[in-house]
Amino acid sequence: MGRKGVDSLEKGLEGKVVLVTGASSGLGREFALSFARRGCNIVATARRTQLLISLCQDIDKLNNSAPASLQGCSNSRLLVKALAVKLDVSQSDAVVDAAVGIAWQCFGRIDVLINNAGFRGNVNSSLDLKEDEWNKVITTNLRGTWLVSKAVGKRMREAKRGGSIINISSIGGLPRGELPGGIAYSASKAGINAMTKIMALELGMYNIRVNAVAPGLFRSEITAGLMEKDWLNTVARKIVPLQTWGEIEPTLTSTLHLLASDTSAYTTGNIVIIDGGQSLPGVPLYSSL
């Protein structure tokens, strides 16, 4: 995409209201900041409210707007650029719906939903994994994504505005990217991929597009320490066709911008893999790791 195309894409994002779950750290925080830099209004949701307030303050600096409010706003604050809303996606349908309702009331709409909240869990074989951890992973990743999508989607339908729902999946949920030791995580992400396609079929009549992004390993505040390990870079050179790990900005965020924008008005039901070819089947016969 040339400079003209990039400018057109970014202009098309300006003023959109973007709700990001799991925005207090890691990928979610980076996603929120990236959309804010393109002129979007941000609803940042997560369990850790102090981190959300810090994020919203950073966004306010970017947009030269008033400080973010937490869990509500008055009618005079409809032009706020950043709003922090406490949300644990593993809670009940009613709790999730109420949190989404706060965001919708403040901005009058939600144009884009980024379902990023998730939980990896510990590395355990399927024989050693505890039921409680299985339930936590599935409840957070799969059920939580469905509940937030449900709460946002039904409001989009009623408002007859359309919108874009983007689910953050993983190469671990792909048939070509199984992760030994991560059965619950992989199952939850595979479920998200199936849910993405079914919701795309069901919501298309309301002009609501549903897509998913399946990233490989990316550098973030959570993985920064790991990325400094020499052995990990050696692994990248051996098993990743592009011979490096990804950077969130712009490698991952640019795809989210495209799926969120009206440029992708005819794109729905896709699982976009962004992993430098990491999950492609193949064995490096010329060398061992």
Foldseek 3Di string as FASTA:
>chain_A
DDPVVVVVLLQLLAAAEEEFEPCLFWLNVVLQQVSLLSHYAYEYEEADQVSLQVSQVVSCVSVVFDREDEQADDQVQLPRRYHYYYDQLLDDLVRLLSRVVRVCVSNVAHAEYEADWFDQDWQDAPVPDDPVRLCVRLSRQAVSLVSNCVSRLVVLLVVLPAHEYEYEAALCLPPLRPDHRRVSNNVSRVNVLVVQQVVCVVRVVSLYAGEYEHEYDEDTPVCVVVQVDPVVLVVLLAQQQVSGFHYVPPQVSVVVSCRGGCVCSVDHSYYHYRYNCNSPDDDRVVDDD
